Amino acid sequence: MTKRIILFQNRDIGDTVLTLPMIGFLKQQLPHCELIVIAGKYTHPVLANCPDINQIIDWDEYQQQTDHVIIKR
């Protein structure tokens, strides 16, 4: 079974850039895990160029959905 790691990054573009080394480290330590990042649309161009990320979920679109549950804000 593949392990999933979900990272939430909803800050400025600079904060997003600073998380990229951590993402690379996670993938290096857990090469078979699936890395999913939840982030604002404005950060997608930066994240899309990171080969270690398997999936990017758009936070803005996620918030507009009515069929999800937010456990804690």
Protein backbone atom coordinates (compact mmCIF):
# COMPACT_ATOMS: atom_id res chain seq x y z
CA MET A 1 0.00 0.00 0.00
CA THR A 2 1.37 3.40 -0.97
CA LYS A 3 1.68 5.91 1.84
CA ARG A 4 0.38 9.41 1.23
CA ILE A 5 1.73 12.60 2.65
CA ILE A 6 -0.49 15.65 2.29
CA LEU A 7 1.12 19.06 2.68
CA PHE A 8 -0.91 22.22 3.04
CA GLN A 9 0.76 25.36 1.69
CA ASN A 10 -1.51 28.37 1.52
CA ARG A 11 0.92 31.22 2.04
CA ASP A 12 2.91 33.57 -0.10
CA ILE A 13 4.98 32.42 -3.05
CA GLY A 14 8.21 32.84 -1.04
CA ASP A 15 6.94 30.47 1.64
CA THR A 16 6.08 27.99 -1.09
CA VAL A 17 9.60 28.18 -2.52
CA LEU A 18 11.04 27.59 0.96
CA THR A 19 9.05 24.35 1.32
CA LEU A 20 10.51 22.81 -1.85
CA PRO A 21 13.70 21.49 -0.16
CA MET A 22 11.54 19.81 2.49
CA ILE A 23 9.46 18.18 -0.23
CA GLY A 24 12.62 16.88 -1.88
CA PHE A 25 13.88 15.57 1.47
CA LEU A 26 10.61 13.76 2.15
CA LYS A 27 10.71 12.10 -1.25
CA GLN A 28 14.35 11.13 -0.72
CA GLN A 29 13.56 9.54 2.65
CA LEU A 30 10.28 7.97 1.50
CA PRO A 31 10.74 7.38 -2.25
CA HIS A 32 7.59 5.30 -2.67
CA CYS A 33 5.22 7.70 -0.94
CA GLU A 34 2.70 9.84 -2.77
CA LEU A 35 3.21 13.55 -2.06
CA ILE A 36 0.10 15.70 -2.38
CA VAL A 37 0.19 19.46 -1.90
CA ILE A 38 -2.88 21.59 -1.21
CA ALA A 39 -2.10 25.15 -2.25
CA GLY A 40 -3.51 28.35 -3.67
CA LYS A 41 -3.69 28.70 -7.44
CA TYR A 42 -1.03 31.42 -7.53
CA THR A 43 1.58 28.93 -6.27
CA HIS A 44 0.83 26.23 -8.85
CA PRO A 45 3.46 27.32 -11.41
CA VAL A 46 6.20 26.90 -8.79
CA LEU A 47 4.87 23.60 -7.48
CA ALA A 48 4.22 22.17 -10.94
CA ASN A 49 7.96 22.30 -11.66
CA CYS A 50 8.82 20.15 -8.63
CA PRO A 51 9.25 16.55 -9.82
CA ASP A 52 8.75 15.17 -6.30
CA ILE A 53 5.11 16.28 -6.06
CA ASN A 54 2.59 13.73 -7.30
CA GLN A 55 -0.53 15.86 -7.11
CA ILE A 56 -1.52 19.48 -6.51
CA ILE A 57 -4.97 20.25 -5.14
CA ASP A 58 -6.26 23.77 -5.70
CA TRP A 59 -7.21 25.18 -2.29
CA ASP A 60 -9.40 27.89 -3.82
CA GLU A 61 -11.52 25.35 -5.69
CA TYR A 62 -11.58 22.99 -2.70
CA GLN A 63 -13.01 25.70 -0.46
CA GLN A 64 -15.88 26.29 -2.91
CA GLN A 65 -17.00 22.66 -2.87
CA THR A 66 -19.98 21.93 -0.70
CA ASP A 67 -19.42 18.21 -0.21
CA HIS A 68 -16.30 18.34 1.95
CA VAL A 69 -15.76 18.53 5.66
CA ILE A 70 -13.18 20.74 7.35
CA ILE A 71 -12.30 19.18 10.68
CA LYS A 72 -10.39 22.13 12.09
CA ARG A 73 -9.55 25.59 10.81
